[in-house]
């Protein structure tokens, strides 16, 4: 099973929970990130963990970028580790 690396690209997190540059490796359980952000990215992470490919602009990729549902205060990138 592939692993997915999550990296915080930008952070203006109101709670100070996330900082730019933090990264997490996801294999099968939720990493220590806020639940709102996790709920937003979980479908993409699940697809990548199961060998899928996502629409990414005009191409298909094994990665994604998503923003926090709290007005986009956190930008996170997910990518498959081969």
C-alpha atoms as a PDB file:
ATOM      1  CA  UNK A   1       0.000   0.000   0.000  1.00  0.00           C
ATOM      2  CA  UNK A   2       1.349   3.454  -0.868  1.00  0.00           C
ATOM      3  CA  UNK A   3       2.032   6.123   1.719  1.00  0.00           C
ATOM      4  CA  UNK A   4       0.879   9.730   1.439  1.00  0.00           C
ATOM      5  CA  UNK A   5       3.019  12.622   2.627  1.00  0.00           C
ATOM      6  CA  UNK A   6       1.087  15.667   3.836  1.00  0.00           C
ATOM      7  CA  UNK A   7       2.955  18.986   4.045  1.00  0.00           C
ATOM      8  CA  UNK A   8       1.705  22.299   5.415  1.00  0.00           C
ATOM      9  CA  UNK A   9       2.615  24.789   2.666  1.00  0.00           C
ATOM     10  CA  UNK A  10       1.105  27.939   4.222  1.00  0.00           C
ATOM     11  CA  UNK A  11      -0.410  28.546   7.630  1.00  0.00           C
ATOM     12  CA  UNK A  12      -2.366  31.342   9.229  1.00  0.00           C
ATOM     13  CA  UNK A  13      -4.107  28.904  11.585  1.00  0.00           C
ATOM     14  CA  UNK A  14      -6.123  30.813  14.193  1.00  0.00           C
ATOM     15  CA  UNK A  15      -5.449  28.187  16.845  1.00  0.00           C
ATOM     16  CA  UNK A  16      -1.738  27.994  16.006  1.00  0.00           C
ATOM     17  CA  UNK A  17      -2.150  24.257  15.503  1.00  0.00           C
ATOM     18  CA  UNK A  18      -0.361  24.084  12.148  1.00  0.00           C
ATOM     19  CA  UNK A  19       2.916  25.645  11.120  1.00  0.00           C
ATOM     20  CA  UNK A  20       4.450  26.022   7.674  1.00  0.00           C
ATOM     21  CA  UNK A  21       6.789  23.156   6.822  1.00  0.00           C
ATOM     22  CA  UNK A  22       5.219  20.518   9.069  1.00  0.00           C
ATOM     23  CA  UNK A  23       4.799  17.148   7.378  1.00  0.00           C
ATOM     24  CA  UNK A  24       3.114  13.868   8.179  1.00  0.00           C
ATOM     25  CA  UNK A  25       3.237  10.417   6.631  1.00  0.00           C
ATOM     26  CA  UNK A  26      -0.159   8.730   6.352  1.00  0.00           C
ATOM     27  CA  UNK A  27      -0.356   4.965   6.019  1.00  0.00           C
ATOM     28  CA  UNK A  28      -3.719   4.021   7.439  1.00  0.00           C
ATOM     29  CA  UNK A  29      -4.785   6.313  10.289  1.00  0.00           C
ATOM     30  CA  UNK A  30      -5.470  10.000  10.762  1.00  0.00           C
ATOM     31  CA  UNK A  31      -2.335  12.053  11.428  1.00  0.00           C
ATOM     32  CA  UNK A  32      -2.370  14.655  14.214  1.00  0.00           C
ATOM     33  CA  UNK A  33      -4.039  17.429  12.233  1.00  0.00           C
ATOM     34  CA  UNK A  34      -7.218  19.322  13.037  1.00  0.00           C
ATOM     35  CA  UNK A  35     -10.434  17.475  12.295  1.00  0.00           C
ATOM     36  CA  UNK A  36     -11.866  20.124   9.986  1.00  0.00           C
ATOM     37  CA  UNK A  37      -8.810  20.001   7.739  1.00  0.00           C
ATOM     38  CA  UNK A  38      -8.706  16.186   7.869  1.00  0.00           C
ATOM     39  CA  UNK A  39     -12.399  15.937   6.923  1.00  0.00           C
ATOM     40  CA  UNK A  40     -11.702  18.205   3.950  1.00  0.00           C
ATOM     41  CA  UNK A  41      -8.746  16.206   2.583  1.00  0.00           C
ATOM     42  CA  UNK A  42      -9.689  12.647   3.615  1.00  0.00           C
ATOM     43  CA  UNK A  43     -11.372  11.691   0.305  1.00  0.00           C
ATOM     44  CA  UNK A  44      -8.218  12.656  -1.636  1.00  0.00           C
ATOM     45  CA  UNK A  45      -5.932  10.879   0.834  1.00  0.00           C
ATOM     46  CA  UNK A  46      -8.103   7.755   0.646  1.00  0.00           C
ATOM     47  CA  UNK A  47      -7.909   7.704  -3.168  1.00  0.00           C
ATOM     48  CA  UNK A  48      -4.118   8.037  -3.108  1.00  0.00           C
ATOM     49  CA  UNK A  49      -3.694   5.392  -0.392  1.00  0.00           C
ATOM     50  CA  UNK A  50      -5.620   2.964  -2.567  1.00  0.00           C
ATOM     51  CA  UNK A  51      -3.531   3.554  -5.696  1.00  0.00           C
ATOM     52  CA  UNK A  52      -5.865   6.027  -7.405  1.00  0.00           C
ATOM     53  CA  UNK A  53      -5.057   9.127  -9.424  1.00  0.00           C
ATOM     54  CA  UNK A  54      -6.721  12.540  -8.948  1.00  0.00           C
ATOM     55  CA  UNK A  55      -7.735  15.239 -11.425  1.00  0.00           C
ATOM     56  CA  UNK A  56      -5.225  18.051 -10.972  1.00  0.00           C
ATOM     57  CA  UNK A  57      -5.989  20.982 -13.214  1.00  0.00           C
ATOM     58  CA  UNK A  58      -5.659  19.775 -16.794  1.00  0.00           C
ATOM     59  CA  UNK A  59      -3.809  16.595 -15.850  1.00  0.00           C
ATOM     60  CA  UNK A  60      -4.075  13.566 -13.597  1.00  0.00           C
ATOM     61  CA  UNK A  61      -1.651  13.349 -10.699  1.00  0.00           C
ATOM     62  CA  UNK A  62      -0.852  11.386  -7.566  1.00  0.00           C
ATOM     63  CA  UNK A  63      -0.984  14.566  -5.515  1.00  0.00           C
ATOM     64  CA  UNK A  64      -3.324  17.350  -4.416  1.00  0.00           C
ATOM     65  CA  UNK A  65      -3.422  20.717  -2.691  1.00  0.00           C
ATOM     66  CA  UNK A  66      -6.301  21.801  -0.477  1.00  0.00           C
ATOM     67  CA  UNK A  67      -7.165  24.689   1.796  1.00  0.00           C
ATOM     68  CA  UNK A  68      -8.595  24.676   5.270  1.00  0.00           C
ATOM     69  CA  UNK A  69     -12.369  25.161   5.371  1.00  0.00           C
ATOM     70  CA  UNK A  70     -11.773  28.053   7.809  1.00  0.00           C
ATOM     71  CA  UNK A  71     -11.439  30.631   5.029  1.00  0.00           C
ATOM     72  CA  UNK A  72      -8.383  28.904   3.522  1.00  0.00           C
ATOM     73  CA  UNK A  73      -6.092  29.738   6.423  1.00  0.00           C
ATOM     74  CA  UNK A  74      -4.012  26.581   5.925  1.00  0.00           C
ATOM     75  CA  UNK A  75      -2.784  25.209   2.597  1.00  0.00           C
ATOM     76  CA  UNK A  76      -1.803  21.543   2.617  1.00  0.00           C
ATOM     77  CA  UNK A  77      -0.188  19.418  -0.077  1.00  0.00           C
ATOM     78  CA  UNK A  78      -0.583  15.668  -0.326  1.00  0.00           C
ATOM     79  CA  UNK A  79       1.595  13.441  -2.496  1.00  0.00           C
ATOM     80  CA  UNK A  80       2.214   9.730  -2.891  1.00  0.00           C
ATOM     81  CA  UNK A  81       5.523   8.360  -1.666  1.00  0.00           C
ATOM     82  CA  UNK A  82       6.591   5.511  -3.929  1.00  0.00           C
END
